[in-house]
């Protein structure tokens, strides 16, 4: 077989070598220039939603999750993009356990490298999570946990809240039932949510002419209220004026048990604030009951709520509920904050969010600069037993505007 001799090329001359080096240099400079000119790939906007998806507050968490995704959709006009950056939401279950909530938030910030976190549902879980936001120097937008201390003495500058606080609940309910010659006993859960509310309610009711004559606390998962109602009835039954058992409860509805205890025999009324629709089924047995609500889909009249109600009926064949509106408000707040800041940098977000106003299903909310609490309307209602609905329908007495409620600042800033 004929072998082919390898061919050899004569080495380039000195002038050819200079020319080739010059050409390579030009090519390298051109390549660098192209790399600099090419747009960098936009990073996703990463959001963690940490909520109590298992445990007694599961229904609340699921509503918040639905509302959050609808809020992001509404605020981005369906694109789920801010500028050229895609929004990616991860879900984590805090299981209504403070230690789990704390570790889930640390994992979201540390492992998932999220830009911002939203949640949780339980006030006890939220309080455990606050120091984690400060440790990682990342924003935790609290929705819907209520305890005053979240934006009060346990607060830090990385905490914002779209959910209402206990004082907003308390002041609005004091407006609804705080009348002269009225005697009130409270029944609340024996943890931060219940205790913070009663403390705030006592403060709010002072000066209205009404008096709180007894405070009763029961375990979070209580199902037997025999001893509690006996103590409440004994405290109220001999009072000369209007007598009210005021309930502040989250989770399984105790109202049927309270009605079964027959407070009417002592002339005692049951009163409470707003709640999710399944819990308001028992309200139908209490026509004329007054209170104040954070949200009911038929109360606010604005563009965002009109969209929420229509879209929720379209997607879920039902109206949006109490915590759906809160989740949507949180989603809108995040989008508006990132747009205003032009960044997901924490310090730029804080600067943008302090004092920021944004439209929600409840109308305009504003993050108060001093403690990052969203100032918002509440709704004084009276219950109507409407045969068209399974639940007692809250009819609007009046909207209580943010400027009417003197909500104290209790942080240590």
Protein backbone atom coordinates (compact mmCIF):
# COMPACT_ATOMS: atom_id res chain seq x y z
CA UNK A 1 0.00 0.00 0.00
CA UNK A 2 1.30 3.38 -1.00
CA UNK A 3 2.10 5.57 1.99
CA UNK A 4 1.42 9.26 1.76
CA UNK A 5 4.18 11.42 3.05
CA UNK A 6 3.12 14.04 5.55
CA UNK A 7 3.12 17.54 4.17
CA UNK A 8 4.92 20.31 5.94
CA UNK A 9 4.28 24.04 5.74
CA UNK A 10 7.14 26.45 5.79
CA UNK A 11 7.23 28.56 8.99
CA UNK A 12 5.79 32.05 8.57
CA UNK A 13 8.11 34.92 8.06
CA UNK A 14 8.64 37.50 10.79
CA UNK A 15 6.29 39.95 9.07
CA UNK A 16 3.62 37.22 8.77
CA UNK A 17 3.99 36.44 12.47
CA UNK A 18 3.47 40.13 13.37
CA UNK A 19 0.41 40.27 11.12
CA UNK A 20 -1.11 37.12 12.69
CA UNK A 21 -0.52 38.38 16.25
CA UNK A 22 -2.12 41.68 15.33
CA UNK A 23 -5.14 39.88 13.86
CA UNK A 24 -5.53 37.67 16.95
CA UNK A 25 -5.33 40.73 19.18
CA UNK A 26 -8.05 42.45 17.18
CA UNK A 27 -10.18 39.28 17.32
CA UNK A 28 -9.75 39.05 21.10
CA UNK A 29 -10.68 42.69 21.64
CA UNK A 30 -13.67 42.28 19.36
CA UNK A 31 -14.76 39.15 21.28
CA UNK A 32 -14.54 40.97 24.62
CA UNK A 33 -16.46 43.89 23.19
CA UNK A 34 -19.19 41.56 21.98
CA UNK A 35 -19.40 39.87 25.38
CA UNK A 36 -19.78 43.22 27.11
CA UNK A 37 -22.36 44.40 24.65
CA UNK A 38 -24.49 41.21 24.88
CA UNK A 39 -27.32 41.50 27.44
CA UNK A 40 -26.81 39.47 30.60
CA UNK A 41 -29.35 36.75 31.27
CA UNK A 42 -31.99 38.13 33.65
CA UNK A 43 -32.20 36.30 36.96
CA UNK A 44 -35.55 35.05 38.18
CA UNK A 45 -37.25 36.92 41.01
CA UNK A 46 -37.47 34.23 43.67
CA UNK A 47 -40.24 34.43 46.28
CA UNK A 48 -40.85 31.95 49.10
CA UNK A 49 -44.36 31.55 50.48
CA UNK A 50 -44.17 29.93 53.90
CA UNK A 51 -47.55 29.08 55.39
CA UNK A 52 -49.19 26.70 57.84
CA UNK A 53 -50.44 24.28 55.19
CA UNK A 54 -51.01 21.52 57.74
CA UNK A 55 -52.59 21.94 61.16
CA UNK A 56 -55.63 23.89 62.38
CA UNK A 57 -54.98 26.87 60.08
CA UNK A 58 -54.71 24.86 56.86
CA UNK A 59 -57.80 26.47 55.29
CA UNK A 60 -56.39 29.95 55.92
CA UNK A 61 -53.03 29.02 54.37
CA UNK A 62 -54.62 27.63 51.22
CA UNK A 63 -56.68 30.78 50.74
CA UNK A 64 -53.58 32.94 51.17
CA UNK A 65 -51.71 30.85 48.61
CA UNK A 66 -54.54 31.21 46.07
CA UNK A 67 -54.74 34.94 46.70
CA UNK A 68 -50.98 35.43 46.44
CA UNK A 69 -50.82 33.87 42.98
CA UNK A 70 -53.84 35.89 41.87
CA UNK A 71 -52.23 39.07 43.21
CA UNK A 72 -49.04 38.43 41.25
CA UNK A 73 -51.13 37.72 38.16
CA UNK A 74 -53.16 40.91 38.62
CA UNK A 75 -50.19 43.17 39.29
CA UNK A 76 -48.18 41.84 36.31
CA UNK A 77 -51.21 41.77 33.98
CA UNK A 78 -50.89 38.03 33.61
CA UNK A 79 -47.23 37.94 32.54
CA UNK A 80 -45.72 36.88 35.90
CA UNK A 81 -42.78 39.08 34.87
CA UNK A 82 -41.35 42.30 36.24
CA UNK A 83 -39.34 43.89 33.47
CA UNK A 84 -37.42 41.02 31.89
CA UNK A 85 -37.35 38.96 35.08
CA UNK A 86 -39.63 35.99 35.68
CA UNK A 87 -41.35 35.55 39.07
CA UNK A 88 -40.83 32.11 40.62
CA UNK A 89 -42.74 31.21 43.79
CA UNK A 90 -41.79 28.27 46.02
CA UNK A 91 -44.14 26.93 48.69
CA UNK A 92 -42.97 25.72 52.11
CA UNK A 93 -45.10 24.28 54.92
CA UNK A 94 -44.48 25.63 58.42
CA UNK A 95 -46.99 23.10 59.87
CA UNK A 96 -48.29 25.59 62.49
CA UNK A 97 -45.04 24.90 64.41
CA UNK A 98 -42.76 27.83 65.30
CA UNK A 99 -39.53 25.80 65.07
CA UNK A 100 -40.51 24.46 61.64
CA UNK A 101 -41.40 27.93 60.40
CA UNK A 102 -38.03 29.23 61.56
CA UNK A 103 -36.09 26.45 59.80
CA UNK A 104 -38.17 26.76 56.62
CA UNK A 105 -37.45 30.47 56.37
CA UNK A 106 -33.74 29.89 56.98
CA UNK A 107 -33.72 27.26 54.21
CA UNK A 108 -35.56 29.59 51.84
CA UNK A 109 -33.06 32.41 52.40
CA UNK A 110 -29.95 30.25 52.75
CA UNK A 111 -30.49 27.35 50.32
CA UNK A 112 -33.05 28.66 47.85
CA UNK A 113 -31.54 32.17 47.77
CA UNK A 114 -34.97 33.78 47.57
CA UNK A 115 -35.21 37.54 47.24
CA UNK A 116 -38.20 37.94 49.56
CA UNK A 117 -40.42 35.72 51.72
CA UNK A 118 -44.15 35.94 52.47
CA UNK A 119 -46.06 34.39 55.37
CA UNK A 120 -46.87 32.73 57.69
CA UNK A 121 -50.42 32.06 58.93
CA UNK A 122 -49.94 31.59 62.66
CA UNK A 123 -48.81 34.46 64.88
CA UNK A 124 -46.71 32.10 66.99
CA UNK A 125 -44.94 30.85 63.88
CA UNK A 126 -44.42 34.41 62.63
CA UNK A 127 -42.80 35.53 65.88
CA UNK A 128 -40.29 32.67 65.61
CA UNK A 129 -39.45 33.69 62.04
CA UNK A 130 -38.79 37.40 62.62
CA UNK A 131 -35.15 37.01 63.81
CA UNK A 132 -34.33 34.89 60.74
CA UNK A 133 -35.22 37.75 58.42
CA UNK A 134 -32.90 40.01 60.41
CA UNK A 135 -30.10 37.42 60.39
CA UNK A 136 -30.22 37.03 56.60
CA UNK A 137 -31.03 40.72 56.00
CA UNK A 138 -33.95 39.81 53.75
CA UNK A 139 -37.55 41.02 53.80
CA UNK A 140 -40.30 38.92 55.34
CA UNK A 141 -43.70 40.25 54.30
CA UNK A 142 -46.07 38.99 57.00
CA UNK A 143 -49.45 37.82 55.74
CA UNK A 144 -51.80 37.02 57.44
CA UNK A 145 -50.44 36.54 61.03
CA UNK A 146 -52.11 39.13 63.26
CA UNK A 147 -50.35 39.54 66.64
CA UNK A 148 -49.51 43.16 67.48
CA UNK A 149 -46.02 42.22 68.62
CA UNK A 150 -45.02 41.25 65.04
CA UNK A 151 -44.88 44.94 64.14
CA UNK A 152 -44.53 45.89 67.81
CA UNK A 153 -41.88 44.97 70.35
CA UNK A 154 -40.65 41.91 68.38
CA UNK A 155 -40.33 43.84 65.10
CA UNK A 156 -37.17 44.49 63.10
CA UNK A 157 -36.61 46.64 60.00
CA UNK A 158 -36.83 43.67 57.60
CA UNK A 159 -40.46 43.00 58.57
CA UNK A 160 -43.41 44.42 56.60
CA UNK A 161 -47.04 43.37 57.00
CA UNK A 162 -50.00 43.58 54.62
CA UNK A 163 -52.22 41.66 57.06
CA UNK A 164 -54.09 43.63 59.70
CA UNK A 165 -52.80 43.64 63.27
CA UNK A 166 -54.67 42.92 66.48
CA UNK A 167 -55.12 46.61 67.22
CA UNK A 168 -56.83 47.18 63.88
CA UNK A 169 -59.19 44.30 64.67
CA UNK A 170 -59.75 45.64 68.17
CA UNK A 171 -60.35 49.28 67.28
CA UNK A 172 -62.79 48.44 64.51
CA UNK A 173 -64.75 46.03 66.73
CA UNK A 174 -64.77 48.63 69.51
CA UNK A 175 -66.36 51.02 67.02
CA UNK A 176 -68.99 48.37 66.23
CA UNK A 177 -70.03 47.32 69.75
CA UNK A 178 -68.45 49.81 72.17
CA UNK A 179 -71.50 51.63 73.52
CA UNK A 180 -72.38 52.99 76.99
CA UNK A 181 -73.97 50.56 79.44
CA UNK A 182 -72.45 47.56 77.63
CA UNK A 183 -70.70 44.76 79.53
CA UNK A 184 -68.34 42.43 77.64
CA UNK A 185 -66.62 39.14 78.41
CA UNK A 186 -63.98 37.92 75.95
CA UNK A 187 -63.21 34.36 74.89
CA UNK A 188 -59.91 33.94 73.04
CA UNK A 189 -57.20 31.40 72.35
CA UNK A 190 -54.39 31.05 74.85
CA UNK A 191 -51.50 32.18 72.64
CA UNK A 192 -50.22 35.34 70.94
CA UNK A 193 -53.17 35.78 68.56
CA UNK A 194 -55.76 35.69 71.33
CA UNK A 195 -53.83 37.50 74.04
CA UNK A 196 -52.66 40.33 71.80
CA UNK A 197 -56.22 40.87 70.59
CA UNK A 198 -57.70 41.05 74.09
CA UNK A 199 -54.97 43.43 75.24
CA UNK A 200 -55.64 45.67 72.24
CA UNK A 201 -59.43 45.34 72.64
CA UNK A 202 -59.28 46.47 76.27
CA UNK A 203 -57.32 49.52 75.21
CA UNK A 204 -59.66 50.26 72.30
CA UNK A 205 -62.87 49.83 74.31
CA UNK A 206 -61.74 52.29 77.00
CA UNK A 207 -63.59 55.56 76.61
CA UNK A 208 -66.50 54.09 74.64
CA UNK A 209 -68.68 53.63 77.72
CA UNK A 210 -68.46 49.85 77.46
CA UNK A 211 -66.63 47.70 80.04
CA UNK A 212 -64.74 44.41 79.79
CA UNK A 213 -65.62 42.49 82.93
CA UNK A 214 -64.02 39.09 82.24
CA UNK A 215 -61.26 37.56 80.09
CA UNK A 216 -61.41 33.87 79.27
CA UNK A 217 -58.63 31.96 77.49
CA UNK A 218 -58.94 28.43 76.12
CA UNK A 219 -56.45 26.07 74.42
CA UNK A 220 -55.95 26.60 70.68
CA UNK A 221 -57.56 23.25 69.85
CA UNK A 222 -60.29 23.41 72.50
CA UNK A 223 -63.56 21.66 71.68
CA UNK A 224 -65.27 21.68 75.10
CA UNK A 225 -66.26 25.14 76.35
CA UNK A 226 -68.42 24.09 79.29
CA UNK A 227 -66.17 25.51 82.00
CA UNK A 228 -65.36 28.63 79.98
CA UNK A 229 -69.00 29.50 79.30
CA UNK A 230 -69.95 28.93 82.94
CA UNK A 231 -67.33 31.45 84.08
CA UNK A 232 -68.40 33.92 81.37
CA UNK A 233 -72.11 33.58 82.23
CA UNK A 234 -71.39 34.10 85.92
CA UNK A 235 -69.44 37.28 85.14
CA UNK A 236 -72.21 38.73 82.93
CA UNK A 237 -75.60 37.44 84.05
CA UNK A 238 -76.27 40.01 86.80
CA UNK A 239 -75.07 43.06 84.85
CA UNK A 240 -77.81 45.65 84.31
CA UNK A 241 -77.19 46.66 80.69
CA UNK A 242 -76.36 45.02 77.37
CA UNK A 243 -74.30 41.85 77.86
CA UNK A 244 -71.95 40.49 75.17
CA UNK A 245 -69.74 37.42 74.91
CA UNK A 246 -67.09 38.55 72.39
CA UNK A 247 -65.26 35.73 70.61
CA UNK A 248 -61.83 36.02 69.00
CA UNK A 249 -60.95 32.63 67.50
CA UNK A 250 -58.97 31.06 64.64
CA UNK A 251 -59.49 27.54 63.38
CA UNK A 252 -62.40 25.21 64.23
CA UNK A 253 -65.58 27.23 64.84
CA UNK A 254 -66.75 27.23 68.50
CA UNK A 255 -69.93 29.28 67.90
CA UNK A 256 -72.29 26.24 67.66
CA UNK A 257 -71.02 25.10 71.07
CA UNK A 258 -71.51 28.58 72.50
CA UNK A 259 -75.04 28.79 71.12
CA UNK A 260 -75.79 25.34 72.57
CA UNK A 261 -74.78 26.64 76.02
CA UNK A 262 -77.82 28.95 75.74
CA UNK A 263 -76.47 32.40 76.67
CA UNK A 264 -79.90 33.87 75.78
CA UNK A 265 -81.30 32.64 79.09
CA UNK A 266 -79.21 35.35 80.73
CA UNK A 267 -79.81 37.93 78.01
CA UNK A 268 -76.23 37.47 76.73
CA UNK A 269 -75.46 38.10 73.06
CA UNK A 270 -72.62 36.53 71.07
CA UNK A 271 -70.48 38.87 68.98
CA UNK A 272 -67.35 38.38 66.91
CA UNK A 273 -65.43 39.82 63.96
CA UNK A 274 -65.20 38.57 60.38
CA UNK A 275 -63.98 35.10 59.43
CA UNK A 276 -63.76 32.65 56.56
CA UNK A 277 -67.03 31.60 54.90
CA UNK A 278 -67.22 28.08 56.44
CA UNK A 279 -66.92 29.62 59.92
CA UNK A 280 -69.61 32.17 59.05
CA UNK A 281 -72.21 29.44 58.47
CA UNK A 282 -72.90 29.62 62.20
CA UNK A 283 -73.34 33.41 61.93
CA UNK A 284 -76.65 32.70 60.17
CA UNK A 285 -78.03 31.73 63.59
CA UNK A 286 -77.11 35.20 64.88
CA UNK A 287 -79.03 37.69 62.70
CA UNK A 288 -78.45 41.26 63.73
CA UNK A 289 -75.04 40.48 65.27
CA UNK A 290 -72.63 43.38 64.83
CA UNK A 291 -68.87 43.30 64.47
CA UNK A 292 -66.06 44.45 62.23
CA UNK A 293 -64.37 42.51 59.44
CA UNK A 294 -61.04 42.65 57.68
CA UNK A 295 -62.74 41.53 54.44
CA UNK A 296 -65.88 40.05 52.96
CA UNK A 297 -66.12 39.87 49.20
CA UNK A 298 -69.33 41.90 49.02
CA UNK A 299 -68.12 44.85 51.10
CA UNK A 300 -65.30 46.72 49.24
CA UNK A 301 -66.15 48.53 46.00
CA UNK A 302 -63.02 48.99 43.87
CA UNK A 303 -61.36 47.75 40.69
CA UNK A 304 -59.04 45.22 42.33
CA UNK A 305 -61.86 43.59 44.30
CA UNK A 306 -64.11 43.49 41.24
CA UNK A 307 -61.35 41.62 39.37
CA UNK A 308 -60.73 39.26 42.30
CA UNK A 309 -64.39 38.34 42.71
CA UNK A 310 -64.93 37.80 38.97
CA UNK A 311 -61.74 35.79 38.45
CA UNK A 312 -62.25 33.69 41.58
CA UNK A 313 -65.76 32.75 40.49
CA UNK A 314 -64.38 31.93 37.04
CA UNK A 315 -61.52 29.75 38.32
CA UNK A 316 -62.96 28.26 41.49
CA UNK A 317 -66.76 28.53 41.09
CA UNK A 318 -66.97 30.33 44.43
CA UNK A 319 -66.35 33.79 45.89
CA UNK A 320 -62.95 34.77 47.29
CA UNK A 321 -62.67 34.39 51.03
CA UNK A 322 -61.20 36.30 53.97
CA UNK A 323 -57.56 35.31 53.45
CA UNK A 324 -57.70 35.21 49.65
CA UNK A 325 -57.88 39.00 49.69
CA UNK A 326 -54.90 39.18 52.03
CA UNK A 327 -52.80 36.95 49.80
CA UNK A 328 -53.69 39.07 46.79
CA UNK A 329 -52.71 42.23 48.68
CA UNK A 330 -49.32 40.69 49.50
CA UNK A 331 -48.73 39.74 45.85
CA UNK A 332 -49.59 43.25 44.65
CA UNK A 333 -47.35 44.81 47.31
CA UNK A 334 -44.33 42.73 46.23
CA UNK A 335 -44.73 43.61 42.55
CA UNK A 336 -45.24 47.31 43.24
CA UNK A 337 -42.25 47.39 45.61
CA UNK A 338 -39.88 45.75 43.11
CA UNK A 339 -41.08 48.04 40.33
CA UNK A 340 -40.61 51.11 42.52
CA UNK A 341 -37.18 49.99 43.76
CA UNK A 342 -36.08 48.88 40.29
CA UNK A 343 -34.34 46.00 42.06
CA UNK A 344 -34.67 43.09 44.48
CA UNK A 345 -31.84 44.47 46.60
CA UNK A 346 -33.08 44.50 50.20
CA UNK A 347 -32.00 48.03 51.08
CA UNK A 348 -33.53 49.44 47.92
CA UNK A 349 -36.75 47.55 48.64
CA UNK A 350 -36.93 48.88 52.20
CA UNK A 351 -36.45 52.42 50.94
CA UNK A 352 -39.15 51.91 48.32
CA UNK A 353 -41.66 50.25 50.67
CA UNK A 354 -41.51 52.64 53.60
CA UNK A 355 -44.51 54.93 53.11
CA UNK A 356 -45.51 53.14 49.88
CA UNK A 357 -49.20 53.11 48.96
CA UNK A 358 -50.72 50.45 46.72
CA UNK A 359 -54.19 49.41 45.59
CA UNK A 360 -55.64 46.15 46.92
CA UNK A 361 -59.03 44.39 47.04
CA UNK A 362 -59.62 46.44 50.21
CA UNK A 363 -58.74 49.70 48.50
CA UNK A 364 -55.58 51.66 49.23
CA UNK A 365 -53.07 50.33 51.76
CA UNK A 366 -50.00 52.24 52.96
CA UNK A 367 -46.96 50.81 54.73
CA UNK A 368 -46.42 53.02 57.75
CA UNK A 369 -42.78 54.12 57.78
CA UNK A 370 -42.31 53.70 61.51
CA UNK A 371 -43.23 50.01 61.81
CA UNK A 372 -44.04 48.82 58.25
CA UNK A 373 -47.63 47.97 59.22
CA UNK A 374 -50.10 48.36 56.33
CA UNK A 375 -52.72 50.94 57.27
CA UNK A 376 -56.05 49.88 55.79
CA UNK A 377 -59.83 50.07 56.01
CA UNK A 378 -61.98 47.77 58.13
CA UNK A 379 -65.71 47.13 57.77
CA UNK A 380 -68.43 47.54 60.41
CA UNK A 381 -71.12 44.98 59.57
CA UNK A 382 -74.46 43.61 60.72
CA UNK A 383 -75.34 39.99 59.98
CA UNK A 384 -78.32 39.17 57.77
CA UNK A 385 -79.74 35.64 57.39
CA UNK A 386 -80.13 35.54 53.61
CA UNK A 387 -81.62 32.26 52.25
CA UNK A 388 -79.50 32.65 49.11
CA UNK A 389 -76.31 32.01 51.12
CA UNK A 390 -75.23 29.20 53.43
CA UNK A 391 -73.49 31.67 55.73
CA UNK A 392 -74.62 34.75 57.62
CA UNK A 393 -74.13 37.69 55.26
CA UNK A 394 -72.25 40.72 56.63
CA UNK A 395 -74.10 43.80 55.45
CA UNK A 396 -72.08 47.00 55.48
CA UNK A 397 -72.88 49.50 58.21
CA UNK A 398 -69.90 51.63 57.22
CA UNK A 399 -66.28 51.50 56.08
CA UNK A 400 -63.89 52.47 58.87
CA UNK A 401 -61.08 54.37 57.18
CA UNK A 402 -57.42 54.06 58.27
CA UNK A 403 -57.30 57.68 59.41
CA UNK A 404 -60.19 57.02 61.84
CA UNK A 405 -58.27 54.31 63.69
CA UNK A 406 -55.60 55.49 66.07
CA UNK A 407 -53.23 52.55 65.82
CA UNK A 408 -50.30 53.02 68.23
CA UNK A 409 -46.67 52.49 67.23
CA UNK A 410 -45.12 50.01 69.65
CA UNK A 411 -41.78 49.02 68.17
CA UNK A 412 -38.37 50.00 69.52
CA UNK A 413 -37.06 51.73 66.40
